[in-house]
């Protein structure tokens, strides 16, 4: 089924943290924006604005039904510039205002000096000079007014506003002005701290970027699994802690509209938990030593044995040329839905034995397939 911009908006809502703590220490690089309490309250207000923005997209039939552009993608990463240009224009405007906007002394407005600054098209290339076209800028700004943002300095009711006469644009949010403070702080974080492996700080309302201390990985994981059922949340957290206790390390990557928690042993990735617009919630196993514990695999359900016997690799392609890879090399992929609970015990036994084969346990020690693992109901 073809995905739409409405689907993208629903997915974005899942990436926005529900449980932002009321108290946390703000890094000193943001304290010139406002006092810490105002920044924290502003972040909460900006989070609520993003929810409103997503709901407006979902409720707007003319925008909601716009299909994703480009060919079917098997990778996790979403390229907004190609797949949803309108949403990318909105993202660019929000980042430009957050980065360049001058917060008033009262904190009730942001001032952007010049149309050129406001219309810069944002991408991973921070030095890009590409601009959003005037018609697309007007369309995007009109939509943002439907989300509660006001623009002073341009008459959006005109069919073709004369942008040559625009010296500055003042942005306000009358419903809850403190939102502008959070917007400004997150805009600075987006510009100063974003990278390919930690992108869209602003659009995800990633308050963690503002904190003075590191965030525990389990806490980050909880933020992203809340849309799952309680048994699936419990299972993901159980696996996370179990493999940290077993000697694995977890690396978190917050890519463009996809999140990876990759678990590795001695720098070799063994499995990962992933969330993406294209592929949903998944667990991917990249096991390579199944032949060393074939007696364990033989006890698995037949369909799982068949999946393992087929293996994975770069032979899974259609056509040729750039963009046709189906990501067969990424490993054994399992959608994280309710049916996953039925095979969770087998997958944990599988991973335990894979890890044991890498650790080269001494003869006579208890092996993972001797251990009874409690199944999550």
Protein backbone atom coordinates (compact mmCIF):
# COMPACT_ATOMS: atom_id res chain seq x y z
CA UNK A 1 0.00 0.00 0.00
CA UNK A 2 1.36 3.40 -1.03
CA UNK A 3 2.39 5.58 1.88
CA UNK A 4 1.28 9.20 2.12
CA UNK A 5 2.23 12.41 3.87
CA UNK A 6 -0.49 11.65 6.40
CA UNK A 7 1.32 8.41 7.22
CA UNK A 8 4.55 10.38 7.58
CA UNK A 9 2.86 12.78 10.03
CA UNK A 10 1.55 9.86 12.10
CA UNK A 11 5.03 8.36 12.20
CA UNK A 12 6.61 11.68 13.21
CA UNK A 13 4.23 11.84 16.20
CA UNK A 14 5.66 8.51 17.36
CA UNK A 15 9.20 9.96 17.36
CA UNK A 16 8.24 12.94 19.54
CA UNK A 17 8.86 12.13 23.23
CA UNK A 18 5.73 11.79 25.35
CA UNK A 19 7.41 11.78 28.75
CA UNK A 20 9.70 14.79 28.92
CA UNK A 21 10.94 15.24 32.51
CA UNK A 22 9.87 18.37 34.36
CA UNK A 23 13.36 19.00 35.72
CA UNK A 24 16.77 18.55 34.10
CA UNK A 25 19.87 20.73 33.99
CA UNK A 26 20.27 22.80 30.82
CA UNK A 27 23.70 22.91 29.19
CA UNK A 28 25.41 26.28 29.58
CA UNK A 29 25.49 26.85 25.80
CA UNK A 30 21.71 27.45 25.88
CA UNK A 31 21.43 29.58 29.02
CA UNK A 32 21.74 32.85 27.10
CA UNK A 33 18.37 32.02 25.51
CA UNK A 34 16.46 32.31 28.78
CA UNK A 35 16.45 30.88 32.29
CA UNK A 36 16.34 27.10 32.66
CA UNK A 37 12.72 26.88 33.77
CA UNK A 38 11.52 28.90 30.79
CA UNK A 39 13.56 26.73 28.41
CA UNK A 40 12.09 23.54 29.89
CA UNK A 41 8.56 24.94 29.73
CA UNK A 42 9.24 26.18 26.21
CA UNK A 43 10.36 22.72 25.11
CA UNK A 44 7.14 21.22 26.48
CA UNK A 45 5.14 23.85 24.58
CA UNK A 46 7.11 23.22 21.38
CA UNK A 47 6.43 19.49 21.76
CA UNK A 48 2.70 20.26 21.94
CA UNK A 49 3.03 22.51 18.87
CA UNK A 50 4.60 19.63 16.94
CA UNK A 51 1.66 17.42 17.89
CA UNK A 52 -0.67 20.15 16.64
CA UNK A 53 1.34 20.47 13.43
CA UNK A 54 1.12 16.71 12.79
CA UNK A 55 -2.62 16.68 13.52
CA UNK A 56 -3.16 19.57 11.09
CA UNK A 57 -1.35 17.58 8.38
CA UNK A 58 -3.41 14.48 9.12
CA UNK A 59 -6.69 16.44 9.10
CA UNK A 60 -5.92 18.34 5.88
CA UNK A 61 -7.28 16.08 3.14
CA UNK A 62 -5.46 17.93 0.36
CA UNK A 63 -2.11 17.32 2.05
CA UNK A 64 -2.73 14.08 3.93
CA UNK A 65 -3.32 12.06 0.77
CA UNK A 66 -0.22 13.25 -1.10
CA UNK A 67 1.71 10.06 -1.92
CA UNK A 68 5.37 9.54 -1.18
CA UNK A 69 7.51 10.39 -4.19
CA UNK A 70 10.26 8.21 -5.62
CA UNK A 71 10.72 4.46 -5.91
CA UNK A 72 10.09 1.94 -3.14
CA UNK A 73 12.85 2.05 -0.55
CA UNK A 74 14.16 -0.91 1.41
CA UNK A 75 16.50 1.16 3.54
CA UNK A 76 15.39 2.72 6.81
CA UNK A 77 16.40 6.31 6.10
CA UNK A 78 13.82 8.76 4.78
CA UNK A 79 14.94 11.48 2.35
CA UNK A 80 12.41 14.28 2.84
CA UNK A 81 13.77 16.38 -0.02
CA UNK A 82 12.83 13.59 -2.45
CA UNK A 83 9.93 11.79 -0.79
CA UNK A 84 7.99 14.65 0.85
CA UNK A 85 9.24 18.03 -0.50
CA UNK A 86 6.47 20.01 1.20
CA UNK A 87 7.33 18.57 4.60
CA UNK A 88 11.01 19.29 3.97
CA UNK A 89 10.14 22.93 3.22
CA UNK A 90 8.26 23.16 6.52
CA UNK A 91 11.20 21.57 8.33
CA UNK A 92 13.58 24.08 6.72
CA UNK A 93 11.46 27.06 7.74
CA UNK A 94 11.18 25.81 11.33
CA UNK A 95 14.95 25.30 11.53
CA UNK A 96 15.70 28.69 9.97
CA UNK A 97 13.45 30.47 12.47
CA UNK A 98 14.83 28.49 15.41
CA UNK A 99 18.45 29.07 14.36
CA UNK A 100 18.38 32.68 13.12
CA UNK A 101 15.34 34.09 14.92
CA UNK A 102 16.13 36.76 17.52
CA UNK A 103 14.07 36.19 20.65
CA UNK A 104 12.53 39.41 22.00
CA UNK A 105 13.25 40.54 25.55
CA UNK A 106 9.76 39.52 26.59
CA UNK A 107 10.16 36.17 24.83
CA UNK A 108 6.96 36.68 22.85
CA UNK A 109 8.39 36.88 19.30
CA UNK A 110 11.23 35.72 17.06
CA UNK A 111 12.61 38.12 14.45
CA UNK A 112 14.23 36.83 11.24
CA UNK A 113 16.12 39.48 9.28
CA UNK A 114 15.72 38.86 5.57
CA UNK A 115 13.80 36.60 3.24
CA UNK A 116 17.01 34.90 2.11
CA UNK A 117 17.60 33.54 5.61
CA UNK A 118 14.00 32.41 6.07
CA UNK A 119 13.83 30.60 2.70
CA UNK A 120 17.08 28.60 2.91
CA UNK A 121 16.45 24.94 2.10
CA UNK A 122 17.98 22.79 4.84
CA UNK A 123 19.76 19.48 4.30
CA UNK A 124 22.64 17.50 5.80
CA UNK A 125 24.88 19.86 3.85
CA UNK A 126 24.90 22.85 6.20
CA UNK A 127 26.70 24.95 3.57
CA UNK A 128 23.96 24.54 0.97
CA UNK A 129 22.80 27.75 -0.73
CA UNK A 130 19.62 26.31 -2.28
CA UNK A 131 16.46 28.33 -1.65
CA UNK A 132 12.81 27.32 -1.39
CA UNK A 133 10.83 28.85 -4.25
CA UNK A 134 8.54 31.77 -3.42
CA UNK A 135 5.29 29.87 -4.23
CA UNK A 136 6.36 26.96 -2.02
CA UNK A 137 7.38 29.33 0.77
CA UNK A 138 3.99 31.04 0.68
CA UNK A 139 2.19 27.67 0.68
CA UNK A 140 4.25 26.46 3.64
CA UNK A 141 3.84 29.65 5.67
CA UNK A 142 0.08 29.67 5.08
CA UNK A 143 -0.09 26.13 6.41
CA UNK A 144 1.91 27.10 9.50
CA UNK A 145 -0.62 29.85 10.22
CA UNK A 146 -3.23 27.08 10.40
CA UNK A 147 -1.06 25.54 13.12
CA UNK A 148 -1.18 28.72 15.21
CA UNK A 149 1.93 30.60 14.00
CA UNK A 150 1.59 34.24 12.93
CA UNK A 151 3.94 36.01 10.50
CA UNK A 152 4.21 39.80 10.64
CA UNK A 153 6.09 41.54 7.81
CA UNK A 154 4.50 39.65 4.92
CA UNK A 155 0.90 39.69 3.71
CA UNK A 156 0.08 36.03 3.16
CA UNK A 157 -3.43 36.89 1.96
CA UNK A 158 -1.95 38.28 -1.26
CA UNK A 159 -1.73 35.91 -4.20
CA UNK A 160 1.84 36.98 -5.01
CA UNK A 161 3.47 38.92 -2.15
CA UNK A 162 6.38 41.15 -3.19
CA UNK A 163 9.26 39.59 -1.30
CA UNK A 164 11.69 42.28 -2.48
CA UNK A 165 10.09 44.65 0.03
CA UNK A 166 10.49 42.27 2.98
CA UNK A 167 13.21 43.41 5.36
CA UNK A 168 12.31 41.23 8.34
CA UNK A 169 9.62 38.79 9.43
CA UNK A 170 8.39 38.62 13.02
CA UNK A 171 7.07 35.26 14.19
CA UNK A 172 4.65 34.88 17.10
CA UNK A 173 2.61 32.09 18.67
CA UNK A 174 -0.28 33.86 20.41
CA UNK A 175 -1.78 30.70 21.92
CA UNK A 176 1.28 30.02 24.09
CA UNK A 177 4.24 32.42 23.58
CA UNK A 178 6.64 30.42 25.82
CA UNK A 179 6.81 27.94 22.91
CA UNK A 180 9.12 30.39 21.12
CA UNK A 181 11.75 29.98 23.86
CA UNK A 182 11.79 26.22 23.41
CA UNK A 183 11.85 26.67 19.64
CA UNK A 184 14.90 28.94 19.91
CA UNK A 185 16.84 26.59 22.20
CA UNK A 186 16.12 23.55 20.02
CA UNK A 187 16.99 25.57 16.92
CA UNK A 188 20.44 26.28 18.34
CA UNK A 189 20.86 22.58 19.21
CA UNK A 190 19.83 21.61 15.67
CA UNK A 191 22.45 23.89 14.15
CA UNK A 192 25.29 23.20 16.59
CA UNK A 193 24.84 19.55 17.52
CA UNK A 194 23.08 17.75 14.67
CA UNK A 195 24.96 15.22 12.58
CA UNK A 196 24.12 12.38 10.25
CA UNK A 197 23.80 10.06 13.26
CA UNK A 198 21.82 12.55 15.33
CA UNK A 199 19.65 14.53 12.93
CA UNK A 200 16.29 16.32 13.25
CA UNK A 201 16.79 17.39 16.85
CA UNK A 202 14.22 20.15 16.29
CA UNK A 203 11.54 18.17 14.48
CA UNK A 204 11.76 15.32 17.03
CA UNK A 205 11.79 17.80 19.93
CA UNK A 206 14.87 16.02 21.28
CA UNK A 207 15.14 17.70 24.69
CA UNK A 208 18.09 15.41 25.47
CA UNK A 209 20.29 17.62 23.27
CA UNK A 210 19.76 20.47 25.74
CA UNK A 211 20.71 18.49 28.84
CA UNK A 212 23.93 19.06 30.71
CA UNK A 213 24.33 15.34 31.39
CA UNK A 214 24.22 12.23 29.22
CA UNK A 215 20.95 10.33 29.02
CA UNK A 216 20.82 6.67 29.96
CA UNK A 217 20.28 4.49 26.87
CA UNK A 218 17.37 2.67 28.52
CA UNK A 219 15.64 6.02 28.97
CA UNK A 220 16.07 6.84 25.27
CA UNK A 221 14.77 3.38 24.38
CA UNK A 222 11.65 3.91 26.51
CA UNK A 223 10.92 7.15 24.64
CA UNK A 224 10.77 5.33 21.32
CA UNK A 225 8.93 2.13 22.25
CA UNK A 226 5.92 3.70 23.98
CA UNK A 227 3.63 3.14 20.93
CA UNK A 228 4.15 -0.64 21.31
CA UNK A 229 1.95 -2.85 23.46
CA UNK A 230 3.00 -3.39 27.08
CA UNK A 231 4.28 -6.97 26.44
CA UNK A 232 6.41 -5.79 23.50
CA UNK A 233 7.80 -2.88 25.51
CA UNK A 234 8.68 -5.26 28.31
CA UNK A 235 10.36 -7.63 25.88
CA UNK A 236 12.49 -4.93 24.22
CA UNK A 237 13.67 -3.58 27.58
CA UNK A 238 14.35 -7.12 28.82
CA UNK A 239 16.49 -7.92 25.77
CA UNK A 240 18.30 -4.60 26.10
CA UNK A 241 19.33 -5.20 29.71
CA UNK A 242 20.05 -8.90 29.19
CA UNK A 243 22.60 -8.27 26.44
CA UNK A 244 24.24 -5.37 28.24
CA UNK A 245 24.67 -7.72 31.21
CA UNK A 246 26.06 -10.34 28.81
CA UNK A 247 28.88 -8.05 27.68
CA UNK A 248 27.44 -6.35 24.61
CA UNK A 249 27.55 -2.61 23.99
CA UNK A 250 24.63 -0.57 22.65
CA UNK A 251 25.15 2.24 20.17
CA UNK A 252 22.26 4.65 19.50
CA UNK A 253 21.85 6.32 16.10
CA UNK A 254 19.10 8.91 15.58
CA UNK A 255 19.10 9.20 11.80
CA UNK A 256 16.67 11.07 9.58
CA UNK A 257 13.30 9.62 10.63
CA UNK A 258 14.82 6.33 11.70
CA UNK A 259 16.33 5.15 14.98
CA UNK A 260 18.78 2.30 15.55
CA UNK A 261 19.85 0.65 18.80
CA UNK A 262 22.72 -1.60 17.67
CA UNK A 263 24.14 -4.26 20.01
CA UNK A 264 27.68 -5.42 19.36
CA UNK A 265 30.35 -7.58 20.89
CA UNK A 266 33.96 -6.54 20.37
CA UNK A 267 32.83 -4.06 17.69
CA UNK A 268 30.92 -6.69 15.72
CA UNK A 269 27.21 -5.94 15.44
CA UNK A 270 25.04 -8.93 16.35
CA UNK A 271 21.54 -7.50 16.44
CA UNK A 272 19.64 -4.24 16.46
CA UNK A 273 16.28 -2.74 17.32
CA UNK A 274 15.15 -0.31 14.60
CA UNK A 275 12.30 2.12 14.02
CA UNK A 276 11.73 3.68 10.60
CA UNK A 277 8.99 5.13 8.43
CA UNK A 278 9.68 2.64 5.64
CA UNK A 279 10.00 -0.54 7.69
CA UNK A 280 8.29 0.13 11.01
CA UNK A 281 9.46 -1.46 14.27
CA UNK A 282 11.88 -4.33 13.72
CA UNK A 283 14.49 -6.51 15.33
CA UNK A 284 17.30 -7.53 12.97
CA UNK A 285 19.75 -10.34 13.72
CA UNK A 286 23.09 -10.49 11.95
CA UNK A 287 24.22 -13.91 13.09
CA UNK A 288 27.04 -15.70 11.27
CA UNK A 289 27.80 -18.78 13.38
CA UNK A 290 24.53 -20.73 13.31
CA UNK A 291 26.31 -23.84 12.03
CA UNK A 292 28.21 -24.04 15.33
CA UNK A 293 24.99 -24.64 17.26
CA UNK A 294 22.90 -26.44 14.65
CA UNK A 295 21.48 -28.74 17.34
CA UNK A 296 19.85 -25.69 18.94
CA UNK A 297 18.40 -24.41 15.65
CA UNK A 298 16.87 -27.85 14.98
CA UNK A 299 14.54 -27.35 17.96
CA UNK A 300 13.06 -24.14 16.52
CA UNK A 301 9.70 -24.01 14.66
CA UNK A 302 10.00 -25.19 11.05
CA UNK A 303 9.34 -21.78 9.48
CA UNK A 304 12.12 -20.25 11.57
CA UNK A 305 14.52 -23.04 10.62
CA UNK A 306 13.73 -22.39 6.94
CA UNK A 307 14.37 -18.67 7.34
CA UNK A 308 17.72 -19.36 8.97
CA UNK A 309 18.72 -21.95 6.36
CA UNK A 310 18.11 -19.44 3.54
CA UNK A 311 20.50 -17.01 5.17
CA UNK A 312 20.90 -13.43 4.10
CA UNK A 313 23.17 -11.53 1.77
CA UNK A 314 23.56 -9.19 -1.18
CA UNK A 315 22.00 -11.61 -3.67
CA UNK A 316 18.58 -10.15 -2.79
CA UNK A 317 18.33 -7.50 -5.49
CA UNK A 318 15.95 -6.61 -8.26
CA UNK A 319 17.19 -4.86 -11.33
CA UNK A 320 20.56 -3.18 -11.38
CA UNK A 321 22.10 0.16 -10.64
CA UNK A 322 21.98 2.57 -7.73
CA UNK A 323 18.96 2.36 -5.46
CA UNK A 324 17.88 -1.20 -6.24
CA UNK A 325 19.47 -2.92 -3.24
CA UNK A 326 16.84 -4.56 -1.03
CA UNK A 327 19.11 -4.50 2.02
CA UNK A 328 19.34 -8.29 2.16
CA UNK A 329 22.77 -7.93 3.73
CA UNK A 330 21.44 -6.23 6.85
CA UNK A 331 20.45 -9.55 8.45
CA UNK A 332 17.38 -11.56 9.47
CA UNK A 333 14.52 -9.09 9.85
CA UNK A 334 11.52 -9.60 12.16
CA UNK A 335 8.63 -7.14 12.44
CA UNK A 336 7.99 -6.20 16.04
CA UNK A 337 4.28 -6.98 16.29
CA UNK A 338 2.24 -9.22 18.57
CA UNK A 339 3.16 -12.37 16.62
CA UNK A 340 6.81 -11.67 17.46
CA UNK A 341 6.06 -12.67 21.05
CA UNK A 342 5.44 -16.24 19.87
CA UNK A 343 9.06 -16.66 18.76
CA UNK A 344 10.77 -14.31 21.22
CA UNK A 345 12.10 -17.17 23.33
CA UNK A 346 13.68 -18.89 20.31
CA UNK A 347 15.28 -15.64 19.13
CA UNK A 348 16.78 -15.02 22.55
CA UNK A 349 18.19 -18.56 22.64
CA UNK A 350 19.54 -17.98 19.14
CA UNK A 351 21.26 -14.74 20.15
CA UNK A 352 22.63 -16.27 23.35
CA UNK A 353 24.25 -19.06 21.38
CA UNK A 354 25.61 -16.63 18.79
CA UNK A 355 27.21 -14.58 21.54
CA UNK A 356 28.56 -17.72 23.23
CA UNK A 357 30.19 -18.82 19.97
CA UNK A 358 31.91 -15.44 19.75
CA UNK A 359 33.04 -15.53 23.35
CA UNK A 360 34.52 -19.01 22.80
CA UNK A 361 33.39 -20.41 26.13
CA UNK A 362 35.51 -23.11 27.68
CA UNK A 363 34.40 -26.71 27.64
CA UNK A 364 32.41 -27.70 30.66
CA UNK A 365 30.74 -24.31 31.18
CA UNK A 366 26.99 -24.04 30.99
CA UNK A 367 25.90 -23.00 27.52
CA UNK A 368 22.92 -20.75 26.79
CA UNK A 369 20.82 -23.58 25.31
CA UNK A 370 20.89 -25.31 28.69
CA UNK A 371 19.19 -22.29 30.22
CA UNK A 372 15.43 -21.85 30.54
CA UNK A 373 14.36 -18.39 29.47
CA UNK A 374 11.08 -17.01 30.74
CA UNK A 375 8.78 -16.08 27.92
CA UNK A 376 7.04 -12.68 27.90
CA UNK A 377 3.26 -13.03 27.73
